[in-house]
Amino acid sequence: MTCAAFAAVAIAHGGAHQKPLQVDPDADWATRHMAEEHHIGNFDPTSFFTLHDYDDNGFWDKSEILKTYGMTDPSAKDTPQEKKDEIIREIMKLMDTNNNGIVEKEEWTAFTQERKGTLPDFQTGPGHHWDMEMEYEIHHWEKYHDENTKEEDLIHPEDIEHFRLHDEMEDEAERVAKLDKMSIVEQNIPAKFRKDV
């Protein structure tokens, strides 16, 4: 990792440093999710719904449910499709009372407030749904590092993987920048139009 890259990352992570919230191990899944993923310890069902209505259209579709449970995060790449199907099936069975394939805000409200329901724990973790930086921040940096962390302290496998990804992104950005400067990119010319074929 370059010194400039470390400095940028250290500033970014050091500036937002916050210790994780402590949560009762017997807390329901939504409470643990809000504490671990959002650093929110006090919330109501309406705010939970709104926060996870990613496109702000008043309902959760299947992709939003999977995202909330972390099934679209790279860490879930080995989760079998059957497990993802189970999550959708169970959530719809609990809340989709009009059987239209989505969970509307009114259905959520009826489930959480009238029927006193809670989101099930499918044993898939806290529900990662941030970008690479934020996931590293909240699940690693905050637990093991702080604003006094030096480059030589970043020795955990999570640190090494995080900065490897930074290096890959930097290399890709440099490659694209070089291609952008070229007036003709030979690799982009179809073979049938090349003279050397």
Foldseek 3Di string as FASTA:
>chain_A
DDPVVVVVLLCVLQVVADAFDDDDPPDALLQLLCRQQPVDNDDDLLVSQCVLPVVRPQWAALVSQCQQQQCVPPVNPVPDVVLSVVLQVVVCVQFVPVPPRIHGPVSSCCNCPVVVHDRHDSVSPNRDRDDLSSCCSRVPCNVQHHSPDDPVNQDDPSSVVSVVVVVVVVVVVVVVVVVVPDPDDVVPDDPVPDPVD
